[in-house]
């Protein structure tokens, strides 16, 4: 039977919490019907999917010429404005109808 406890992760560990974690360290992990143990093939597939997703998320450095107006407006959003520009570009390129207006 699962045991659930709310833990404030921002608070420092108390001696009691440390003792609980130490006791759990030696407790065996037992799969159940809802969470069966993965086969080697399932695990390998999960790893390859994760690697593919990481490759898709990799960002590349490019040079882009932007108007002063566009750049100043983007910079007004503060830190992370280049990620915002990337998201806008991705959404625009994914929207065929919107893209046709500019081509």
PDB file of N, CA and C in Angstrom:
ATOM      1  N   UNK A   1       0.837  -1.174   0.000  1.00  0.00           N
ATOM      2  CA  UNK A   1       0.000   0.000   0.000  1.00  0.00           C
ATOM      3  C   UNK A   1       0.887   1.243   0.000  1.00  0.00           C
ATOM      4  N   UNK A   2       0.639   2.182  -0.960  1.00  0.00           N
ATOM      5  CA  UNK A   2       1.479   3.373  -1.034  1.00  0.00           C
ATOM      6  C   UNK A   2       1.308   4.278   0.180  1.00  0.00           C
ATOM      7  N   UNK A   3       2.393   4.895   0.558  1.00  0.00           N
ATOM      8  CA  UNK A   3       2.375   5.859   1.660  1.00  0.00           C
ATOM      9  C   UNK A   3       2.676   7.227   1.053  1.00  0.00           C
ATOM     10  N   UNK A   4       1.824   8.208   1.335  1.00  0.00           N
ATOM     11  CA  UNK A   4       2.026   9.549   0.790  1.00  0.00           C
ATOM     12  C   UNK A   4       2.261  10.531   1.922  1.00  0.00           C
ATOM     13  N   UNK A   5       3.254  11.385   1.724  1.00  0.00           N
ATOM     14  CA  UNK A   5       3.554  12.421   2.699  1.00  0.00           C
ATOM     15  C   UNK A   5       3.860  13.702   1.951  1.00  0.00           C
ATOM     16  N   UNK A   6       3.386  14.806   2.479  1.00  0.00           N
ATOM     17  CA  UNK A   6       3.714  16.116   1.928  1.00  0.00           C
ATOM     18  C   UNK A   6       5.037  16.566   2.540  1.00  0.00           C
ATOM     19  N   UNK A   7       5.972  16.959   1.680  1.00  0.00           N
ATOM     20  CA  UNK A   7       7.269  17.414   2.156  1.00  0.00           C
ATOM     21  C   UNK A   7       7.558  18.775   1.537  1.00  0.00           C
ATOM     22  N   UNK A   8       7.904  19.720   2.375  1.00  0.00           N
ATOM     23  CA  UNK A   8       8.296  21.042   1.907  1.00  0.00           C
ATOM     24  C   UNK A   8       9.755  20.957   1.483  1.00  0.00           C
ATOM     25  N   UNK A   9       9.992  20.932   0.163  1.00  0.00           N
ATOM     26  CA  UNK A   9      11.354  20.734  -0.335  1.00  0.00           C
ATOM     27  C   UNK A   9      12.250  21.946  -0.117  1.00  0.00           C
ATOM     28  N   UNK A  10      11.657  23.091   0.174  1.00  0.00           N
ATOM     29  CA  UNK A  10      12.475  24.273   0.397  1.00  0.00           C
ATOM     30  C   UNK A  10      12.995  24.348   1.835  1.00  0.00           C
ATOM     31  N   UNK A  11      12.390  23.577   2.725  1.00  0.00           N
ATOM     32  CA  UNK A  11      12.816  23.588   4.127  1.00  0.00           C
ATOM     33  C   UNK A  11      14.014  22.653   4.315  1.00  0.00           C
ATOM     34  N   UNK A  12      14.924  22.989   5.212  1.00  0.00           N
ATOM     35  CA  UNK A  12      16.059  22.078   5.471  1.00  0.00           C
ATOM     36  C   UNK A  12      15.558  20.772   6.099  1.00  0.00           C
ATOM     37  N   UNK A  13      16.283  19.698   5.850  1.00  0.00           N
ATOM     38  CA  UNK A  13      15.889  18.400   6.389  1.00  0.00           C
ATOM     39  C   UNK A  13      16.068  18.363   7.900  1.00  0.00           C
ATOM     40  N   UNK A  14      15.047  17.852   8.566  1.00  0.00           N
ATOM     41  CA  UNK A  14      15.136  17.674  10.016  1.00  0.00           C
ATOM     42  C   UNK A  14      15.793  16.327  10.289  1.00  0.00           C
ATOM     43  N   UNK A  15      16.183  16.103  11.529  1.00  0.00           N
ATOM     44  CA  UNK A  15      16.771  14.817  11.917  1.00  0.00           C
ATOM     45  C   UNK A  15      15.773  13.692  11.660  1.00  0.00           C
ATOM     46  N   UNK A  16      14.490  13.965  11.905  1.00  0.00           N
ATOM     47  CA  UNK A  16      13.443  12.960  11.681  1.00  0.00           C
ATOM     48  C   UNK A  16      13.357  12.586  10.202  1.00  0.00           C
ATOM     49  N   UNK A  17      13.401  13.591   9.310  1.00  0.00           N
ATOM     50  CA  UNK A  17      13.342  13.332   7.870  1.00  0.00           C
ATOM     51  C   UNK A  17      14.571  12.559   7.403  1.00  0.00           C
ATOM     52  N   UNK A  18      15.715  12.916   7.926  1.00  0.00           N
ATOM     53  CA  UNK A  18      16.944  12.205   7.558  1.00  0.00           C
ATOM     54  C   UNK A  18      16.844  10.744   7.971  1.00  0.00           C
ATOM     55  N   UNK A  19      16.315  10.477   9.165  1.00  0.00           N
ATOM     56  CA  UNK A  19      16.145   9.102   9.643  1.00  0.00           C
ATOM     57  C   UNK A  19      15.158   8.342   8.744  1.00  0.00           C
ATOM     58  N   UNK A  20      14.070   8.999   8.310  1.00  0.00           N
ATOM     59  CA  UNK A  20      13.090   8.365   7.414  1.00  0.00           C
ATOM     60  C   UNK A  20      13.746   7.992   6.088  1.00  0.00           C
ATOM     61  N   UNK A  21      14.543   8.908   5.542  1.00  0.00           N
ATOM     62  CA  UNK A  21      15.216   8.633   4.275  1.00  0.00           C
ATOM     63  C   UNK A  21      16.230   7.510   4.409  1.00  0.00           C
ATOM     64  N   UNK A  22      16.942   7.482   5.508  1.00  0.00           N
ATOM     65  CA  UNK A  22      17.911   6.406   5.751  1.00  0.00           C
ATOM     66  C   UNK A  22      17.199   5.055   5.836  1.00  0.00           C
ATOM     67  N   UNK A  23      16.028   5.027   6.493  1.00  0.00           N
ATOM     68  CA  UNK A  23      15.265   3.779   6.629  1.00  0.00           C
ATOM     69  C   UNK A  23      14.750   3.315   5.266  1.00  0.00           C
ATOM     70  N   UNK A  24      14.388   4.247   4.406  1.00  0.00           N
ATOM     71  CA  UNK A  24      13.872   3.888   3.080  1.00  0.00           C
ATOM     72  C   UNK A  24      14.967   3.399   2.138  1.00  0.00           C
ATOM     73  N   UNK A  25      16.200   3.781   2.414  1.00  0.00           N
ATOM     74  CA  UNK A  25      17.313   3.418   1.545  1.00  0.00           C
ATOM     75  C   UNK A  25      17.432   1.907   1.384  1.00  0.00           C
ATOM     76  N   UNK A  26      17.179   1.143   2.447  1.00  0.00           N
ATOM     77  CA  UNK A  26      17.323  -0.310   2.408  1.00  0.00           C
ATOM     78  C   UNK A  26      16.028  -1.028   2.052  1.00  0.00           C
ATOM     79  N   UNK A  27      14.953  -0.291   1.899  1.00  0.00           N
ATOM     80  CA  UNK A  27      13.653  -0.899   1.575  1.00  0.00           C
ATOM     81  C   UNK A  27      13.622  -1.275   0.092  1.00  0.00           C
ATOM     82  N   UNK A  28      13.260  -2.514  -0.238  1.00  0.00           N
ATOM     83  CA  UNK A  28      13.265  -2.935  -1.639  1.00  0.00           C
ATOM     84  C   UNK A  28      12.132  -2.274  -2.433  1.00  0.00           C
ATOM     85  N   UNK A  29      12.392  -2.044  -3.712  1.00  0.00           N
ATOM     86  CA  UNK A  29      11.371  -1.505  -4.612  1.00  0.00           C
ATOM     87  C   UNK A  29      10.596  -2.689  -5.161  1.00  0.00           C
ATOM     88  N   UNK A  30       9.271  -2.665  -4.978  1.00  0.00           N
ATOM     89  CA  UNK A  30       8.439  -3.772  -5.416  1.00  0.00           C
ATOM     90  C   UNK A  30       7.432  -3.261  -6.453  1.00  0.00           C
ATOM     91  N   UNK A  31       7.580  -3.666  -7.732  1.00  0.00           N
ATOM     92  CA  UNK A  31       6.626  -3.236  -8.747  1.00  0.00           C
ATOM     93  C   UNK A  31       5.230  -3.803  -8.462  1.00  0.00           C
ATOM     94  N   UNK A  32       4.208  -3.088  -8.893  1.00  0.00           N
ATOM     95  CA  UNK A  32       2.835  -3.580  -8.744  1.00  0.00           C
ATOM     96  C   UNK A  32       2.139  -3.531 -10.100  1.00  0.00           C
ATOM     97  N   UNK A  33       0.822  -3.826 -10.124  1.00  0.00           N
ATOM     98  CA  UNK A  33       0.091  -3.865 -11.399  1.00  0.00           C
ATOM     99  C   UNK A  33       0.078  -2.510 -12.089  1.00  0.00           C
ATOM    100  N   UNK A  34      -0.023  -1.430 -11.323  1.00  0.00           N
ATOM    101  CA  UNK A  34      -0.082  -0.102 -11.911  1.00  0.00           C
ATOM    102  C   UNK A  34       1.286   0.384 -12.390  1.00  0.00           C
ATOM    103  N   UNK A  35       2.329  -0.130 -11.781  1.00  0.00           N
ATOM    104  CA  UNK A  35       3.694   0.281 -12.117  1.00  0.00           C
ATOM    105  C   UNK A  35       4.587  -0.944 -12.276  1.00  0.00           C
ATOM    106  N   UNK A  36       4.385  -1.694 -13.356  1.00  0.00           N
ATOM    107  CA  UNK A  36       5.207  -2.895 -13.528  1.00  0.00           C
ATOM    108  C   UNK A  36       6.653  -2.533 -13.852  1.00  0.00           C
ATOM    109  N   UNK A  37       7.537  -3.474 -13.599  1.00  0.00           N
ATOM    110  CA  UNK A  37       8.946  -3.265 -13.905  1.00  0.00           C
ATOM    111  C   UNK A  37       9.124  -3.239 -15.422  1.00  0.00           C
ATOM    112  N   UNK A  38       9.979  -2.332 -15.903  1.00  0.00           N
ATOM    113  CA  UNK A  38      10.217  -2.224 -17.342  1.00  0.00           C
ATOM    114  C   UNK A  38      11.092  -3.376 -17.823  1.00  0.00           C
ATOM    115  N   UNK A  39      10.772  -3.853 -19.032  1.00  0.00           N
ATOM    116  CA  UNK A  39      11.654  -4.834 -19.653  1.00  0.00           C
ATOM    117  C   UNK A  39      12.857  -4.079 -20.211  1.00  0.00           C
ATOM    118  N   UNK A  40      13.906  -4.815 -20.578  1.00  0.00           N
ATOM    119  CA  UNK A  40      15.089  -4.176 -21.161  1.00  0.00           C
ATOM    120  C   UNK A  40      14.733  -3.447 -22.457  1.00  0.00           C
ATOM    121  N   UNK A  41      13.829  -4.048 -23.248  1.00  0.00           N
ATOM    122  CA  UNK A  41      13.416  -3.431 -24.510  1.00  0.00           C
ATOM    123  C   UNK A  41      12.645  -2.137 -24.257  1.00  0.00           C
ATOM    124  N   UNK A  42      11.738  -2.149 -23.273  1.00  0.00           N
ATOM    125  CA  UNK A  42      10.969  -0.949 -22.944  1.00  0.00           C
ATOM    126  C   UNK A  42      11.889   0.166 -22.442  1.00  0.00           C
ATOM    127  N   UNK A  43      12.850  -0.224 -21.620  1.00  0.00           N
ATOM    128  CA  UNK A  43      13.788   0.762 -21.094  1.00  0.00           C
ATOM    129  C   UNK A  43      14.627   1.361 -22.219  1.00  0.00           C
ATOM    130  N   UNK A  44      15.108   0.509 -23.134  1.00  0.00           N
ATOM    131  CA  UNK A  44      15.916   0.988 -24.260  1.00  0.00           C
ATOM    132  C   UNK A  44      15.105   1.935 -25.143  1.00  0.00           C
ATOM    133  N   UNK A  45      13.841   1.596 -25.359  1.00  0.00           N
ATOM    134  CA  UNK A  45      12.968   2.452 -26.174  1.00  0.00           C
ATOM    135  C   UNK A  45      12.756   3.802 -25.481  1.00  0.00           C
ATOM    136  N   UNK A  46      12.544   3.768 -24.165  1.00  0.00           N
ATOM    137  CA  UNK A  46      12.346   4.993 -23.396  1.00  0.00           C
ATOM    138  C   UNK A  46      13.596   5.880 -23.478  1.00  0.00           C
ATOM    139  N   UNK A  47      14.766   5.285 -23.392  1.00  0.00           N
ATOM    140  CA  UNK A  47      16.020   6.030 -23.477  1.00  0.00           C
ATOM    141  C   UNK A  47      16.169   6.652 -24.863  1.00  0.00           C
ATOM    142  N   UNK A  48      15.856   5.892 -25.913  1.00  0.00           N
ATOM    143  CA  UNK A  48      16.005   6.432 -27.273  1.00  0.00           C
ATOM    144  C   UNK A  48      15.014   7.564 -27.533  1.00  0.00           C
ATOM    145  N   UNK A  49      13.803   7.454 -27.000  1.00  0.00           N
ATOM    146  CA  UNK A  49      12.815   8.529 -27.141  1.00  0.00           C
ATOM    147  C   UNK A  49      13.311   9.779 -26.436  1.00  0.00           C
ATOM    148  N   UNK A  50      13.874   9.622 -25.247  1.00  0.00           N
ATOM    149  CA  UNK A  50      14.403  10.764 -24.495  1.00  0.00           C
ATOM    150  C   UNK A  50      15.559  11.420 -25.240  1.00  0.00           C
ATOM    151  N   UNK A  51      16.446  10.616 -25.817  1.00  0.00           N
ATOM    152  CA  UNK A  51      17.569  11.170 -26.569  1.00  0.00           C
ATOM    153  C   UNK A  51      17.072  11.945 -27.789  1.00  0.00           C
ATOM    154  N   UNK A  52      16.049  11.409 -28.463  1.00  0.00           N
ATOM    155  CA  UNK A  52      15.470  12.084 -29.627  1.00  0.00           C
ATOM    156  C   UNK A  52      14.884  13.432 -29.207  1.00  0.00           C
ATOM    157  N   UNK A  53      14.140  13.445 -28.097  1.00  0.00           N
ATOM    158  CA  UNK A  53      13.536  14.692 -27.622  1.00  0.00           C
ATOM    159  C   UNK A  53      14.602  15.716 -27.241  1.00  0.00           C
ATOM    160  N   UNK A  54      15.691  15.261 -26.635  1.00  0.00           N
ATOM    161  CA  UNK A  54      16.777  16.177 -26.288  1.00  0.00           C
ATOM    162  C   UNK A  54      17.407  16.773 -27.538  1.00  0.00           C
ATOM    163  N   UNK A  55      17.563  15.963 -28.579  1.00  0.00           N
ATOM    164  CA  UNK A  55      18.113  16.455 -29.841  1.00  0.00           C
ATOM    165  C   UNK A  55      17.196  17.509 -30.447  1.00  0.00           C
ATOM    166  N   UNK A  56      15.892  17.284 -30.350  1.00  0.00           N
ATOM    167  CA  UNK A  56      14.922  18.233 -30.897  1.00  0.00           C
ATOM    168  C   UNK A  56      14.946  19.554 -30.139  1.00  0.00           C
ATOM    169  N   UNK A  57      15.289  19.505 -28.853  1.00  0.00           N
ATOM    170  CA  UNK A  57      15.291  20.706 -28.023  1.00  0.00           C
ATOM    171  C   UNK A  57      16.599  21.492 -28.138  1.00  0.00           C
ATOM    172  N   UNK A  58      17.616  20.889 -28.726  1.00  0.00           N
ATOM    173  CA  UNK A  58      18.907  21.553 -28.831  1.00  0.00           C
ATOM    174  C   UNK A  58      18.762  22.830 -29.647  1.00  0.00           C
ATOM    175  N   UNK A  59      19.283  23.906 -29.118  1.00  0.00           N
ATOM    176  CA  UNK A  59      19.190  25.184 -29.808  1.00  0.00           C
ATOM    177  C   UNK A  59      20.481  25.440 -30.565  1.00  0.00           C
ATOM    178  N   UNK A  60      20.331  26.098 -31.717  1.00  0.00           N
ATOM    179  CA  UNK A  60      21.480  26.429 -32.536  1.00  0.00           C
ATOM    180  C   UNK A  60      21.663  27.932 -32.559  1.00  0.00           C
ATOM    181  N   UNK A  61      22.895  28.356 -32.673  1.00  0.00           N
ATOM    182  CA  UNK A  61      23.200  29.770 -32.735  1.00  0.00           C
ATOM    183  C   UNK A  61      23.108  30.218 -34.185  1.00  0.00           C
ATOM    184  N   UNK A  62      22.334  31.272 -34.431  1.00  0.00           N
ATOM    185  CA  UNK A  62      22.188  31.834 -35.773  1.00  0.00           C
ATOM    186  C   UNK A  62      22.251  33.360 -35.683  1.00  0.00           C
ATOM    187  N   UNK A  63      22.534  33.982 -36.808  1.00  0.00           N
ATOM    188  CA  UNK A  63      22.478  35.448 -36.893  1.00  0.00           C
ATOM    189  C   UNK A  63      21.219  35.814 -37.650  1.00  0.00           C
ATOM    190  N   UNK A  64      20.488  36.756 -37.106  1.00  0.00           N
ATOM    191  CA  UNK A  64      19.253  37.216 -37.733  1.00  0.00           C
ATOM    192  C   UNK A  64      19.258  38.725 -37.708  1.00  0.00           C
ATOM    193  N   UNK A  65      18.881  39.339 -38.801  1.00  0.00           N
ATOM    194  CA  UNK A  65      18.779  40.795 -38.832  1.00  0.00           C
ATOM    195  C   UNK A  65      17.346  41.174 -38.486  1.00  0.00           C
ATOM    196  N   UNK A  66      17.213  41.965 -37.429  1.00  0.00           N
ATOM    197  CA  UNK A  66      15.904  42.420 -36.982  1.00  0.00           C
ATOM    198  C   UNK A  66      15.853  43.938 -37.049  1.00  0.00           C
ATOM    199  N   UNK A  67      14.665  44.453 -37.247  1.00  0.00           N
ATOM    200  CA  UNK A  67      14.523  45.905 -37.201  1.00  0.00           C
ATOM    201  C   UNK A  67      14.744  46.371 -35.766  1.00  0.00           C
ATOM    202  N   UNK A  68      15.152  47.606 -35.618  1.00  0.00           N
ATOM    203  CA  UNK A  68      15.355  48.163 -34.274  1.00  0.00           C
ATOM    204  C   UNK A  68      14.065  48.088 -33.470  1.00  0.00           C
ATOM    205  N   UNK A  69      12.950  48.360 -34.136  1.00  0.00           N
ATOM    206  CA  UNK A  69      11.650  48.341 -33.458  1.00  0.00           C
ATOM    207  C   UNK A  69      11.346  46.950 -32.901  1.00  0.00           C
ATOM    208  N   UNK A  70      11.551  45.926 -33.726  1.00  0.00           N
ATOM    209  CA  UNK A  70      11.271  44.553 -33.293  1.00  0.00           C
ATOM    210  C   UNK A  70      12.201  44.139 -32.160  1.00  0.00           C
ATOM    211  N   UNK A  71      13.480  44.471 -32.278  1.00  0.00           N
ATOM    212  CA  UNK A  71      14.446  44.094 -31.255  1.00  0.00           C
ATOM    213  C   UNK A  71      14.164  44.803 -29.931  1.00  0.00           C
ATOM    214  N   UNK A  72      13.874  46.091 -29.995  1.00  0.00           N
ATOM    215  CA  UNK A  72      13.579  46.836 -28.762  1.00  0.00           C
ATOM    216  C   UNK A  72      12.321  46.316 -28.082  1.00  0.00           C
ATOM    217  N   UNK A  73      11.322  45.975 -28.884  1.00  0.00           N
ATOM    218  CA  UNK A  73      10.084  45.441 -28.310  1.00  0.00           C
ATOM    219  C   UNK A  73      10.352  44.095 -27.637  1.00  0.00           C
ATOM    220  N   UNK A  74      11.161  43.247 -28.263  1.00  0.00           N
ATOM    221  CA  UNK A  74      11.491  41.939 -27.682  1.00  0.00           C
ATOM    222  C   UNK A  74      12.310  42.114 -26.402  1.00  0.00           C
ATOM    223  N   UNK A  75      13.289  43.005 -26.435  1.00  0.00           N
ATOM    224  CA  UNK A  75      14.141  43.233 -25.263  1.00  0.00           C
ATOM    225  C   UNK A  75      13.358  43.801 -24.087  1.00  0.00           C
ATOM    226  N   UNK A  76      12.248  44.476 -24.384  1.00  0.00           N
ATOM    227  CA  UNK A  76      11.414  45.052 -23.316  1.00  0.00           C
ATOM    228  C   UNK A  76      10.834  43.962 -22.423  1.00  0.00           C
ATOM    229  N   UNK A  77      10.777  42.726 -22.913  1.00  0.00           N
ATOM    230  CA  UNK A  77      10.269  41.616 -22.104  1.00  0.00           C
ATOM    231  C   UNK A  77      11.302  41.152 -21.084  1.00  0.00           C
ATOM    232  N   UNK A  78      12.541  41.613 -21.226  1.00  0.00           N
ATOM    233  CA  UNK A  78      13.574  41.286 -20.251  1.00  0.00           C
ATOM    234  C   UNK A  78      14.313  40.004 -20.583  1.00  0.00           C
ATOM    235  N   UNK A  79      14.916  39.438 -19.540  1.00  0.00           N
ATOM    236  CA  UNK A  79      15.725  38.228 -19.692  1.00  0.00           C
ATOM    237  C   UNK A  79      14.893  37.129 -20.348  1.00  0.00           C
ATOM    238  N   UNK A  80      15.486  36.440 -21.297  1.00  0.00           N
ATOM    239  CA  UNK A  80      14.786  35.359 -21.983  1.00  0.00           C
ATOM    240  C   UNK A  80      14.074  35.808 -23.242  1.00  0.00           C
ATOM    241  N   UNK A  81      14.343  37.039 -23.687  1.00  0.00           N
ATOM    242  CA  UNK A  81      13.639  37.540 -24.866  1.00  0.00           C
ATOM    243  C   UNK A  81      13.985  36.739 -26.117  1.00  0.00           C
ATOM    244  N   UNK A  82      15.198  36.153 -26.179  1.00  0.00           N
ATOM    245  CA  UNK A  82      15.546  35.356 -27.356  1.00  0.00           C
ATOM    246  C   UNK A  82      14.720  34.069 -27.405  1.00  0.00           C
ATOM    247  N   UNK A  83      14.398  33.503 -26.247  1.00  0.00           N
ATOM    248  CA  UNK A  83      13.525  32.323 -26.217  1.00  0.00           C
ATOM    249  C   UNK A  83      12.130  32.699 -26.681  1.00  0.00           C
ATOM    250  N   UNK A  84      11.679  33.894 -26.296  1.00  0.00           N
ATOM    251  CA  UNK A  84      10.375  34.375 -26.737  1.00  0.00           C
ATOM    252  C   UNK A  84      10.358  34.525 -28.253  1.00  0.00           C
ATOM    253  N   UNK A  85      11.421  35.107 -28.821  1.00  0.00           N
ATOM    254  CA  UNK A  85      11.503  35.246 -30.275  1.00  0.00           C
ATOM    255  C   UNK A  85      11.481  33.881 -30.958  1.00  0.00           C
ATOM    256  N   UNK A  86      12.151  32.910 -30.362  1.00  0.00           N
ATOM    257  CA  UNK A  86      12.173  31.555 -30.913  1.00  0.00           C
ATOM    258  C   UNK A  86      10.769  30.948 -30.917  1.00  0.00           C
ATOM    259  N   UNK A  87      10.029  31.118 -29.823  1.00  0.00           N
ATOM    260  CA  UNK A  87       8.667  30.586 -29.740  1.00  0.00           C
ATOM    261  C   UNK A  87       7.747  31.243 -30.763  1.00  0.00           C
ATOM    262  N   UNK A  88       7.877  32.570 -30.917  1.00  0.00           N
ATOM    263  CA  UNK A  88       7.057  33.286 -31.903  1.00  0.00           C
ATOM    264  C   UNK A  88       7.350  32.761 -33.303  1.00  0.00           C
ATOM    265  N   UNK A  89       8.617  32.589 -33.603  1.00  0.00           N
ATOM    266  CA  UNK A  89       9.020  32.101 -34.919  1.00  0.00           C
ATOM    267  C   UNK A  89       8.497  30.689 -35.162  1.00  0.00           C
ATOM    268  N   UNK A  90       8.625  29.812 -34.159  1.00  0.00           N
ATOM    269  CA  UNK A  90       8.125  28.440 -34.302  1.00  0.00           C
ATOM    270  C   UNK A  90       6.626  28.415 -34.559  1.00  0.00           C
ATOM    271  N   UNK A  91       5.850  29.204 -33.797  1.00  0.00           N
ATOM    272  CA  UNK A  91       4.395  29.230 -33.965  1.00  0.00           C
ATOM    273  C   UNK A  91       4.009  29.800 -35.318  1.00  0.00           C
ATOM    274  N   UNK A  92       4.723  30.816 -35.755  1.00  0.00           N
ATOM    275  CA  UNK A  92       4.419  31.420 -37.053  1.00  0.00           C
ATOM    276  C   UNK A  92       4.712  30.432 -38.174  1.00  0.00           C
ATOM    277  N   UNK A  93       5.827  29.744 -38.100  1.00  0.00           N
ATOM    278  CA  UNK A  93       6.189  28.785 -39.144  1.00  0.00           C
ATOM    279  C   UNK A  93       5.263  27.570 -39.149  1.00  0.00           C
ATOM    280  N   UNK A  94       4.659  27.254 -37.993  1.00  0.00           N
ATOM    281  CA  UNK A  94       3.742  26.115 -37.919  1.00  0.00           C
ATOM    282  C   UNK A  94       2.355  26.476 -38.449  1.00  0.00           C
ATOM    283  N   UNK A  95       2.033  27.757 -38.506  1.00  0.00           N
ATOM    284  CA  UNK A  95       0.714  28.218 -38.949  1.00  0.00           C
ATOM    285  C   UNK A  95       0.761  28.508 -40.455  1.00  0.00           C
ATOM    286  N   UNK A  96       0.334  27.542 -41.275  1.00  0.00           N
ATOM    287  CA  UNK A  96       0.423  27.671 -42.732  1.00  0.00           C
ATOM    288  C   UNK A  96      -0.338  28.878 -43.264  1.00  0.00           C
ATOM    289  N   UNK A  97      -1.518  29.150 -42.713  1.00  0.00           N
ATOM    290  CA  UNK A  97      -2.315  30.278 -43.188  1.00  0.00           C
ATOM    291  C   UNK A  97      -1.604  31.603 -42.926  1.00  0.00           C
ATOM    292  N   UNK A  98      -1.054  31.739 -41.755  1.00  0.00           N
ATOM    293  CA  UNK A  98      -0.327  32.955 -41.404  1.00  0.00           C
ATOM    294  C   UNK A  98       0.928  33.092 -42.267  1.00  0.00           C
ATOM    295  N   UNK A  99       1.601  31.983 -42.491  1.00  0.00           N
ATOM    296  CA  UNK A  99       2.827  31.983 -43.276  1.00  0.00           C
ATOM    297  C   UNK A  99       2.561  32.404 -44.720  1.00  0.00           C
ATOM    298  N   UNK A 100       1.416  31.995 -45.280  1.00  0.00           N
ATOM    299  CA  UNK A 100       1.069  32.335 -46.657  1.00  0.00           C
ATOM    300  C   UNK A 100       0.925  33.843 -46.835  1.00  0.00           C
ATOM    301  N   UNK A 101       0.529  34.554 -45.801  1.00  0.00           N
ATOM    302  CA  UNK A 101       0.369  36.014 -45.892  1.00  0.00           C
ATOM    303  C   UNK A 101       1.703  36.704 -46.147  1.00  0.00           C
ATOM    304  N   UNK A 102       2.802  36.101 -45.670  1.00  0.00           N
ATOM    305  CA  UNK A 102       4.104  36.739 -45.783  1.00  0.00           C
ATOM    306  C   UNK A 102       4.906  36.231 -46.981  1.00  0.00           C
ATOM    307  N   UNK A 103       4.432  35.202 -47.637  1.00  0.00           N
ATOM    308  CA  UNK A 103       5.193  34.638 -48.760  1.00  0.00           C
ATOM    309  C   UNK A 103       4.678  35.100 -50.093  1.00  0.00           C
TER     310      UNK A 103
END
